[in-house]
PDB file of N, CA and C in Angstrom:
ATOM      1  N   MET A   1    -131.656  88.662 237.999  1.00  0.00           N
ATOM      2  CA  MET A   1    -132.623  88.200 237.028  1.00  0.00           C
ATOM      3  C   MET A   1    -131.908  87.345 235.981  1.00  0.00           C
ATOM      4  N   ALA A   2    -132.572  86.347 235.458  1.00  0.00           N
ATOM      5  CA  ALA A   2    -131.987  85.402 234.517  1.00  0.00           C
ATOM      6  C   ALA A   2    -131.844  86.030 233.130  1.00  0.00           C
ATOM      7  N   GLU A   3    -130.924  85.463 232.374  1.00  0.00           N
ATOM      8  CA  GLU A   3    -130.706  85.935 231.006  1.00  0.00           C
ATOM      9  C   GLU A   3    -131.834  85.409 230.116  1.00  0.00           C
ATOM     10  N   ILE A   4    -132.308  86.241 229.238  1.00  0.00           N
ATOM     11  CA  ILE A   4    -133.378  85.855 228.315  1.00  0.00           C
ATOM     12  C   ILE A   4    -132.757  85.070 227.169  1.00  0.00           C
ATOM     13  N   VAL A   5    -133.357  83.906 226.888  1.00  0.00           N
ATOM     14  CA  VAL A   5    -132.826  83.030 225.851  1.00  0.00           C
ATOM     15  C   VAL A   5    -133.894  82.818 224.801  1.00  0.00           C
ATOM     16  N   ASN A   6    -133.515  83.028 223.549  1.00  0.00           N
ATOM     17  CA  ASN A   6    -134.413  82.740 222.447  1.00  0.00           C
ATOM     18  C   ASN A   6    -134.339  81.235 222.192  1.00  0.00           C
ATOM     19  N   LEU A   7    -135.405  80.515 222.487  1.00  0.00           N
ATOM     20  CA  LEU A   7    -135.391  79.058 222.400  1.00  0.00           C
ATOM     21  C   LEU A   7    -135.180  78.552 220.976  1.00  0.00           C
ATOM     22  N   ARG A   8    -135.702  79.261 220.001  1.00  0.00           N
ATOM     23  CA  ARG A   8    -135.530  78.865 218.611  1.00  0.00           C
ATOM     24  C   ARG A   8    -134.052  78.927 218.231  1.00  0.00           C
ATOM     25  N   MET A   9    -133.386  79.985 218.611  1.00  0.00           N
ATOM     26  CA  MET A   9    -131.966  80.133 218.289  1.00  0.00           C
ATOM     27  C   MET A   9    -131.119  79.126 219.082  1.00  0.00           C
ATOM     28  N   ALA A  10    -131.485  78.865 220.316  1.00  0.00           N
ATOM     29  CA  ALA A  10    -130.745  77.900 221.130  1.00  0.00           C
ATOM     30  C   ALA A  10    -130.896  76.494 220.546  1.00  0.00           C
ATOM     31  N   ARG A  11    -132.097  76.159 220.100  1.00  0.00           N
ATOM     32  CA  ARG A  11    -132.342  74.846 219.504  1.00  0.00           C
ATOM     33  C   ARG A  11    -131.521  74.680 218.227  1.00  0.00           C
ATOM     34  N   LYS A  12    -131.498  75.712 217.397  1.00  0.00           N
ATOM     35  CA  LYS A  12    -130.741  75.643 216.152  1.00  0.00           C
ATOM     36  C   LYS A  12    -129.236  75.572 216.423  1.00  0.00           C
ATOM     37  N   ALA A  13    -128.758  76.278 217.424  1.00  0.00           N
ATOM     38  CA  ALA A  13    -127.339  76.238 217.773  1.00  0.00           C
ATOM     39  C   ALA A  13    -126.956  74.843 218.261  1.00  0.00           C
ATOM     40  N   LYS A  14    -127.824  74.227 219.048  1.00  0.00           N
ATOM     41  CA  LYS A  14    -127.552  72.875 219.530  1.00  0.00           C
ATOM     42  C   LYS A  14    -127.542  71.890 218.367  1.00  0.00           C
ATOM     43  N   LEU A  15    -128.461  72.045 217.434  1.00  0.00           N
ATOM     44  CA  LEU A  15    -128.516  71.175 216.270  1.00  0.00           C
ATOM     45  C   LEU A  15    -127.241  71.312 215.432  1.00  0.00           C
ATOM     46  N   ARG A  16    -126.764  72.543 215.244  1.00  0.00           N
ATOM     47  CA  ARG A  16    -125.522  72.756 214.503  1.00  0.00           C
ATOM     48  C   ARG A  16    -124.338  72.104 215.217  1.00  0.00           C
ATOM     49  N   ALA A  17    -124.283  72.228 216.526  1.00  0.00           N
ATOM     50  CA  ALA A  17    -123.190  71.624 217.294  1.00  0.00           C
ATOM     51  C   ALA A  17    -123.239  70.099 217.203  1.00  0.00           C
ATOM     52  N   ASP A  18    -124.440  69.530 217.273  1.00  0.00           N
ATOM     53  CA  ASP A  18    -124.590  68.078 217.156  1.00  0.00           C
ATOM     54  C   ASP A  18    -124.143  67.592 215.778  1.00  0.00           C
ATOM     55  N   LYS A  19    -124.504  68.346 214.732  1.00  0.00           N
ATOM     56  CA  LYS A  19    -124.096  67.964 213.383  1.00  0.00           C
ATOM     57  C   LYS A  19    -122.585  68.061 213.221  1.00  0.00           C
ATOM     58  N   ALA A  20    -121.985  69.063 213.824  1.00  0.00           N
ATOM     59  CA  ALA A  20    -120.528  69.209 213.752  1.00  0.00           C
ATOM     60  C   ALA A  20    -119.838  68.048 214.465  1.00  0.00           C
ATOM     61  N   ASP A  21    -120.370  67.630 215.601  1.00  0.00           N
ATOM     62  CA  ASP A  21    -119.811  66.486 216.327  1.00  0.00           C
ATOM     63  C   ASP A  21    -119.926  65.206 215.503  1.00  0.00           C
ATOM     64  N   GLN A  22    -121.079  65.021 214.862  1.00  0.00           N
ATOM     65  CA  GLN A  22    -121.295  63.840 214.031  1.00  0.00           C
ATOM     66  C   GLN A  22    -120.351  63.850 212.831  1.00  0.00           C
ATOM     67  N   ALA A  23    -120.153  65.014 212.229  1.00  0.00           N
ATOM     68  CA  ALA A  23    -119.245  65.125 211.089  1.00  0.00           C
ATOM     69  C   ALA A  23    -117.820  64.788 211.501  1.00  0.00           C
ATOM     70  N   ALA A  24    -117.397  65.240 212.671  1.00  0.00           N
ATOM     71  CA  ALA A  24    -116.048  64.927 213.156  1.00  0.00           C
ATOM     72  C   ALA A  24    -115.894  63.427 213.387  1.00  0.00           C
ATOM     73  N   ALA A  25    -116.926  62.799 213.932  1.00  0.00           N
ATOM     74  CA  ALA A  25    -116.878  61.354 214.154  1.00  0.00           C
ATOM     75  C   ALA A  25    -116.807  60.605 212.824  1.00  0.00           C
ATOM     76  N   ASN A  26    -117.567  61.055 211.837  1.00  0.00           N
ATOM     77  CA  ASN A  26    -117.554  60.408 210.526  1.00  0.00           C
ATOM     78  C   ASN A  26    -116.204  60.590 209.844  1.00  0.00           C
ATOM     79  N   ARG A  27    -115.590  61.766 209.989  1.00  0.00           N
ATOM     80  CA  ARG A  27    -114.269  61.973 209.400  1.00  0.00           C
ATOM     81  C   ARG A  27    -113.255  61.014 210.009  1.00  0.00           C
ATOM     82  N   ALA A  28    -113.327  60.821 211.310  1.00  0.00           N
ATOM     83  CA  ALA A  28    -112.393  59.913 211.974  1.00  0.00           C
ATOM     84  C   ALA A  28    -112.660  58.466 211.566  1.00  0.00           C
ATOM     85  N   LYS A  29    -113.918  58.123 211.358  1.00  0.00           N
ATOM     86  CA  LYS A  29    -114.285  56.739 211.067  1.00  0.00           C
ATOM     87  C   LYS A  29    -114.046  56.364 209.604  1.00  0.00           C
ATOM     88  N   PHE A  30    -114.379  57.249 208.687  1.00  0.00           N
ATOM     89  CA  PHE A  30    -114.386  56.886 207.272  1.00  0.00           C
ATOM     90  C   PHE A  30    -113.242  57.465 206.455  1.00  0.00           C
ATOM     91  N   SER A  31    -112.535  58.437 206.947  1.00  0.00           N
ATOM     92  CA  SER A  31    -111.484  59.047 206.129  1.00  0.00           C
ATOM     93  C   SER A  31    -110.198  58.241 206.272  1.00  0.00           C
ATOM     94  N   ARG A  32    -110.006  57.337 205.341  1.00  0.00           N
ATOM     95  CA  ARG A  32    -108.819  56.496 205.317  1.00  0.00           C
ATOM     96  C   ARG A  32    -108.160  56.634 203.953  1.00  0.00           C
ATOM     97  N   THR A  33    -106.870  56.398 203.912  1.00  0.00           N
ATOM     98  CA  THR A  33    -106.177  56.449 202.636  1.00  0.00           C
ATOM     99  C   THR A  33    -106.483  55.189 201.839  1.00  0.00           C
ATOM    100  N   LYS A  34    -106.131  55.237 200.573  1.00  0.00           N
ATOM    101  CA  LYS A  34    -106.378  54.093 199.711  1.00  0.00           C
ATOM    102  C   LYS A  34    -105.600  52.868 200.200  1.00  0.00           C
ATOM    103  N   GLY A  35    -104.379  53.092 200.650  1.00  0.00           N
ATOM    104  CA  GLY A  35    -103.566  52.005 201.176  1.00  0.00           C
ATOM    105  C   GLY A  35    -104.154  51.397 202.431  1.00  0.00           C
ATOM    106  N   GLU A  36    -104.689  52.238 203.315  1.00  0.00           N
ATOM    107  CA  GLU A  36    -105.315  51.729 204.539  1.00  0.00           C
ATOM    108  C   GLU A  36    -106.547  50.899 204.214  1.00  0.00           C
ATOM    109  N   LYS A  37    -107.337  51.364 203.249  1.00  0.00           N
ATOM    110  CA  LYS A  37    -108.527  50.611 202.841  1.00  0.00           C
ATOM    111  C   LYS A  37    -108.119  49.253 202.267  1.00  0.00           C
ATOM    112  N   ALA A  38    -107.102  49.241 201.400  1.00  0.00           N
ATOM    113  CA  ALA A  38    -106.654  48.001 200.783  1.00  0.00           C
ATOM    114  C   ALA A  38    -106.111  47.044 201.839  1.00  0.00           C
ATOM    115  N   ALA A  39    -105.343  47.565 202.794  1.00  0.00           N
ATOM    116  CA  ALA A  39    -104.787  46.716 203.847  1.00  0.00           C
ATOM    117  C   ALA A  39    -105.895  46.111 204.699  1.00  0.00           C
ATOM    118  N   GLN A  40    -106.897  46.905 205.048  1.00  0.00           N
ATOM    119  CA  GLN A  40    -107.990  46.393 205.864  1.00  0.00           C
ATOM    120  C   GLN A  40    -108.807  45.359 205.089  1.00  0.00           C
ATOM    121  N   ASP A  41    -109.045  45.612 203.806  1.00  0.00           N
ATOM    122  CA  ASP A  41    -109.794  44.657 202.991  1.00  0.00           C
ATOM    123  C   ASP A  41    -109.034  43.334 202.849  1.00  0.00           C
ATOM    124  N   SER A  42    -107.722  43.414 202.625  1.00  0.00           N
ATOM    125  CA  SER A  42    -106.951  42.181 202.479  1.00  0.00           C
ATOM    126  C   SER A  42    -106.879  41.416 203.800  1.00  0.00           C
ATOM    127  N   GLU A  43    -106.814  42.138 204.914  1.00  0.00           N
ATOM    128  CA  GLU A  43    -106.802  41.486 206.226  1.00  0.00           C
ATOM    129  C   GLU A  43    -108.136  40.779 206.484  1.00  0.00           C
ATOM    130  N   ALA A  44    -109.235  41.415 206.109  1.00  0.00           N
ATOM    131  CA  ALA A  44    -110.550  40.794 206.283  1.00  0.00           C
ATOM    132  C   ALA A  44    -110.680  39.559 205.401  1.00  0.00           C
ATOM    133  N   GLU A  45    -110.177  39.642 204.177  1.00  0.00           N
ATOM    134  CA  GLU A  45    -110.227  38.500 203.268  1.00  0.00           C
ATOM    135  C   GLU A  45    -109.384  37.348 203.812  1.00  0.00           C
ATOM    136  N   ARG A  46    -108.199  37.655 204.345  1.00  0.00           N
ATOM    137  CA  ARG A  46    -107.326  36.628 204.910  1.00  0.00           C
ATOM    138  C   ARG A  46    -107.998  35.953 206.107  1.00  0.00           C
ATOM    139  N   ALA A  47    -108.627  36.750 206.956  1.00  0.00           N
ATOM    140  CA  ALA A  47    -109.311  36.191 208.122  1.00  0.00           C
ATOM    141  C   ALA A  47    -110.468  35.291 207.701  1.00  0.00           C
ATOM    142  N   THR A  48    -111.189  35.686 206.669  1.00  0.00           N
ATOM    143  CA  THR A  48    -112.303  34.866 206.170  1.00  0.00           C
ATOM    144  C   THR A  48    -111.787  33.545 205.607  1.00  0.00           C
ATOM    145  N   ARG A  49    -110.696  33.606 204.825  1.00  0.00           N
ATOM    146  CA  ARG A  49    -110.137  32.378 204.270  1.00  0.00           C
ATOM    147  C   ARG A  49    -109.627  31.460 205.374  1.00  0.00           C
ATOM    148  N   GLN A  50    -108.995  32.029 206.380  1.00  0.00           N
ATOM    149  CA  GLN A  50    -108.475  31.222 207.473  1.00  0.00           C
ATOM    150  C   GLN A  50    -109.611  30.557 208.245  1.00  0.00           C
ATOM    151  N   LEU A  51    -110.676  31.291 208.482  1.00  0.00           N
ATOM    152  CA  LEU A  51    -111.823  30.742 209.191  1.00  0.00           C
ATOM    153  C   LEU A  51    -112.504  29.635 208.385  1.00  0.00           C
ATOM    154  N   ASP A  52    -112.664  29.869 207.067  1.00  0.00           N
ATOM    155  CA  ASP A  52    -113.295  28.860 206.220  1.00  0.00           C
ATOM    156  C   ASP A  52    -112.407  27.621 206.103  1.00  0.00           C
ATOM    157  N   GLY A  53    -111.099  27.805 206.125  1.00  0.00           N
ATOM    158  CA  GLY A  53    -110.184  26.670 206.019  1.00  0.00           C
ATOM    159  C   GLY A  53    -110.204  25.815 207.275  1.00  0.00           C
ATOM    160  N   ALA A  54    -110.542  26.382 208.410  1.00  0.00           N
ATOM    161  CA  ALA A  54    -110.561  25.645 209.659  1.00  0.00           C
ATOM    162  C   ALA A  54    -111.914  25.023 209.962  1.00  0.00           C
ATOM    163  N   ARG A  55    -112.869  25.262 209.081  1.00  0.00           N
ATOM    164  CA  ARG A  55    -114.219  24.732 209.317  1.00  0.00           C
ATOM    165  C   ARG A  55    -114.245  23.222 209.114  1.00  0.00           C
ATOM    166  N   LEU A  56    -114.906  22.534 209.998  1.00  0.00           N
ATOM    167  CA  LEU A  56    -115.062  21.087 209.900  1.00  0.00           C
ATOM    168  C   LEU A  56    -116.283  20.764 209.062  1.00  0.00           C
ATOM    169  N   GLU A  57    -116.138  19.785 208.182  1.00  0.00           N
ATOM    170  CA  GLU A  57    -117.275  19.379 207.368  1.00  0.00           C
ATOM    171  C   GLU A  57    -117.955  18.207 208.060  1.00  0.00           C
ATOM    172  N   ARG A  58    -119.249  18.270 208.185  1.00  0.00           N
ATOM    173  CA  ARG A  58    -120.007  17.198 208.833  1.00  0.00           C
ATOM    174  C   ARG A  58    -120.937  16.564 207.819  1.00  0.00           C
ATOM    175  N   ASP A  59    -121.040  15.259 207.896  1.00  0.00           N
ATOM    176  CA  ASP A  59    -121.933  14.543 206.991  1.00  0.00           C
ATOM    177  C   ASP A  59    -123.234  14.206 207.650  1.00  0.00           C
TER     178      ASP A  59
END
């Protein structure tokens, strides 16, 4: 005979597991040091300046 499962508790357990997975993904994505943030921002700024400098002006 099959095990009896309380669907309400199973649904809540799945929701908790999904939230924990999302939190782990967010920690990996957004938890950076101040130096890492500054380096990434300066790299993005440099790339933008380089791209704008290579743009051709058309009349």
